Amino acid sequence: MSNSTLSPPTAPTHDLAKLVELVKDVRVAMMTTHSPDGGKLHSRPMYTHKIDATKFDGTLWFMTDIDSPKVEELVQHHDVLLTYAAPEKNRYVVVSGEVSVEKNPEVARELWNVHAKGWWPGGPDDPKLGLIRVHVTSAEYWDGPSKVSYLFSLLKAVVKGNRVDVGGEHGKIET
């Protein structure tokens, strides 16, 4: 009889390529920050811009209005938590990072897409456009089996009277 539902976490790796593989297709992350006084946590969805596996150096980029309340939160507290979820793949990732907020039209031009144009009609030089640079310090992930595989494992466990053992991978990435 098995008592595991997901393999125990592997030893932390420094494999940024694994992180790219896990989050490259999940465009929206929930970004959690501290309130300016540090007392409360605040989360909101944020669009992750261009993750290129061949050039990824551990930096994630987000665009924001430079005068938004989240900027004040990030200026006061430089740590952030990003959560990525792809339930259709049974994949979940939590990323911790250190943040800086900047105005950088050159980087904005590299990241620019139709979504950005909808929010900042003035283009990469729009005075309201700010960039959030997240330097990834660590990540933890849960990469489970497909739905079909899970249902088969569940059925087998129920029939045999065992605890379900779904396998999958649980790991940590340190930078």
Protein backbone atom coordinates (compact mmCIF):
# COMPACT_ATOMS: atom_id res chain seq x y z
CA MET A 1 0.00 0.00 0.00
CA SER A 2 1.41 3.39 -0.98
CA ASN A 3 1.08 6.49 1.18
CA SER A 4 2.41 9.05 -1.30
CA THR A 5 0.35 11.18 -3.61
CA LEU A 6 3.26 12.93 -5.27
CA SER A 7 6.91 12.01 -5.10
CA PRO A 8 8.83 13.86 -2.36
CA PRO A 9 10.62 16.99 -3.54
CA THR A 10 13.86 16.38 -5.33
CA ALA A 11 17.02 18.05 -4.08
CA PRO A 12 17.02 21.71 -5.11
CA THR A 13 18.55 22.31 -8.54
CA HIS A 14 19.82 25.41 -10.30
CA ASP A 15 18.04 24.41 -13.51
CA LEU A 16 16.48 27.57 -14.91
CA ALA A 17 15.56 25.65 -18.07
CA LYS A 18 13.21 23.53 -15.92
CA LEU A 19 11.52 26.69 -14.65
CA VAL A 20 11.05 27.95 -18.23
CA GLU A 21 9.58 24.58 -19.25
CA LEU A 22 7.08 24.77 -16.39
CA VAL A 23 5.82 28.35 -16.86
CA LYS A 24 6.42 29.31 -20.51
CA ASP A 25 2.86 28.51 -21.57
CA VAL A 26 1.17 29.98 -18.48
CA ARG A 27 0.92 33.62 -19.43
CA VAL A 28 -0.76 34.93 -16.28
CA ALA A 29 0.73 34.68 -12.81
CA MET A 30 -0.81 35.77 -9.54
CA MET A 31 1.62 38.32 -8.08
CA THR A 32 1.54 38.61 -4.29
CA THR A 33 3.05 41.65 -2.61
CA HIS A 34 3.07 43.15 0.89
CA SER A 35 1.02 46.22 1.71
CA PRO A 36 3.21 49.32 2.20
CA ASP A 37 3.11 48.85 5.99
CA GLY A 38 4.01 45.16 5.58
CA GLY A 39 0.89 44.02 7.38
CA LYS A 40 -1.24 42.45 4.65
CA LEU A 41 -0.68 40.46 1.51
CA HIS A 42 -2.21 41.52 -1.77
CA SER A 43 -2.48 39.41 -4.95
CA ARG A 44 -3.45 40.28 -8.48
CA PRO A 45 -3.12 38.65 -11.91
CA MET A 46 -0.18 39.84 -14.00
CA TYR A 47 0.81 38.97 -17.57
CA THR A 48 4.31 37.44 -17.83
CA HIS A 49 6.18 38.82 -20.85
CA LYS A 50 8.32 36.76 -23.24
CA ILE A 51 10.13 33.90 -21.60
CA ASP A 52 12.76 32.72 -24.06
CA ALA A 53 14.36 29.42 -22.97
CA THR A 54 17.56 30.18 -24.88
CA LYS A 55 18.10 33.54 -23.14
CA PHE A 56 16.40 33.12 -19.75
CA ASP A 57 18.69 34.41 -17.00
CA GLY A 58 16.25 34.18 -14.10
CA THR A 59 14.52 37.50 -14.81
CA LEU A 60 10.75 37.72 -15.32
CA TRP A 61 9.19 40.92 -16.68
CA PHE A 62 5.79 42.47 -16.09
CA MET A 63 4.31 45.78 -17.26
CA THR A 64 2.31 48.07 -15.02
CA ASP A 65 1.08 51.61 -14.65
CA ILE A 66 3.96 53.41 -12.96
CA ASP A 67 1.56 55.09 -10.53
CA SER A 68 -0.38 51.93 -9.54
CA PRO A 69 -0.67 50.95 -5.86
CA LYS A 70 1.39 47.79 -6.49
CA VAL A 71 4.39 49.97 -7.36
CA GLU A 72 4.21 51.56 -3.91
CA GLU A 73 4.03 48.08 -2.37
CA LEU A 74 7.05 46.89 -4.36
CA VAL A 75 9.09 49.99 -3.56
CA GLN A 76 8.51 49.39 0.16
CA HIS A 77 9.02 45.59 0.08
CA HIS A 78 11.21 44.13 -2.63
CA ASP A 79 10.14 40.52 -2.29
CA VAL A 80 7.34 39.02 -4.34
CA LEU A 81 5.63 35.68 -4.77
CA LEU A 82 4.36 34.57 -8.18
CA THR A 83 2.03 31.61 -8.59
CA TYR A 84 1.49 29.89 -11.92
CA ALA A 85 -1.22 27.28 -12.45
CA ALA A 86 -1.98 25.07 -15.43
CA PRO A 87 -4.76 22.82 -14.06
CA GLU A 88 -5.27 21.22 -17.47
CA LYS A 89 -1.71 19.87 -17.17
CA ASN A 90 -1.94 19.33 -13.40
CA ARG A 91 1.05 21.68 -13.06
CA TYR A 92 1.58 24.32 -10.34
CA VAL A 93 4.59 26.57 -9.72
CA VAL A 94 5.41 29.08 -6.99
CA VAL A 95 8.24 31.53 -7.67
CA SER A 96 9.92 33.76 -5.09
CA GLY A 97 11.83 36.76 -6.29
CA GLU A 98 13.35 40.15 -5.62
CA VAL A 99 11.79 43.08 -7.45
CA SER A 100 12.79 46.37 -8.95
CA VAL A 101 10.46 48.81 -10.69
CA GLU A 102 11.82 50.87 -13.54
CA LYS A 103 11.02 52.91 -16.59
CA ASN A 104 12.98 51.43 -19.47
CA PRO A 105 11.60 52.07 -22.98
CA GLU A 106 14.36 49.93 -24.54
CA VAL A 107 13.28 46.82 -22.59
CA ALA A 108 9.62 47.76 -23.14
CA ARG A 109 10.27 47.69 -26.90
CA GLU A 110 11.69 44.16 -26.60
CA LEU A 111 8.63 43.01 -24.63
CA TRP A 112 6.06 44.93 -26.66
CA ASN A 113 2.98 43.12 -28.01
CA VAL A 114 -0.66 43.78 -28.87
CA HIS A 115 -1.70 43.32 -25.23
CA ALA A 116 0.65 46.08 -24.13
CA LYS A 117 -0.62 48.41 -26.86
CA GLY A 118 -4.13 48.00 -25.50
CA TRP A 119 -3.03 49.24 -22.07
CA TRP A 120 -0.42 51.84 -23.05
CA PRO A 121 -1.49 53.41 -26.36
CA GLY A 122 1.57 55.69 -26.28
CA GLY A 123 3.79 52.69 -26.97
CA PRO A 124 6.99 51.76 -25.13
CA ASP A 125 7.60 55.46 -24.38
CA ASP A 126 4.17 55.92 -22.77
CA PRO A 127 4.74 58.02 -19.62
CA LYS A 128 2.42 55.75 -17.60
CA LEU A 129 4.29 52.53 -18.48
CA GLY A 130 6.50 50.99 -15.84
CA LEU A 131 8.31 47.66 -15.79
CA ILE A 132 8.51 45.23 -12.92
CA ARG A 133 11.70 43.17 -13.04
CA VAL A 134 11.56 40.02 -10.91
CA HIS A 135 14.86 38.29 -10.24
CA VAL A 136 13.90 34.71 -9.41
CA THR A 137 15.52 33.56 -6.16
CA SER A 138 13.75 30.20 -5.87
CA ALA A 139 10.83 28.19 -7.19
CA GLU A 140 8.88 25.13 -6.13
CA TYR A 141 6.77 23.05 -8.47
CA TRP A 142 4.27 20.23 -8.56
CA ASP A 143 4.00 18.54 -11.94
CA GLY A 144 1.37 15.82 -11.68
CA PRO A 145 0.14 13.19 -14.08
CA SER A 146 -2.42 13.73 -16.82
CA LYS A 147 -6.10 13.60 -15.88
CA VAL A 148 -6.47 10.18 -17.51
CA SER A 149 -3.50 8.79 -15.60
CA TYR A 150 -4.81 10.27 -12.35
CA LEU A 151 -8.30 8.81 -12.88
CA PHE A 152 -6.81 5.39 -13.63
CA SER A 153 -4.67 5.55 -10.44
CA LEU A 154 -7.69 6.69 -8.44
CA LEU A 155 -9.88 3.88 -9.76
CA LYS A 156 -7.18 1.32 -9.03
CA ALA A 157 -6.75 2.62 -5.46
CA VAL A 158 -10.50 2.61 -4.80
CA VAL A 159 -10.90 -0.94 -6.14
CA LYS A 160 -7.94 -2.23 -4.09
CA GLY A 161 -8.77 -0.19 -0.99
CA ASN A 162 -5.43 1.62 -1.12
CA ARG A 163 -4.46 5.26 -0.99
CA VAL A 164 -4.04 6.74 -4.47
CA ASP A 165 -0.43 7.00 -5.70
CA VAL A 166 -0.34 9.41 -8.60
CA GLY A 167 3.39 9.81 -9.07
CA GLY A 168 4.35 13.07 -10.69
CA GLU A 169 7.25 15.32 -9.85
CA HIS A 170 7.75 17.79 -7.00
CA GLY A 171 10.92 19.83 -6.99
CA LYS A 172 12.69 23.00 -5.98
CA ILE A 173 14.83 25.33 -8.03
CA GLU A 174 17.32 27.72 -6.40
CA THR A 175 19.15 30.44 -8.28
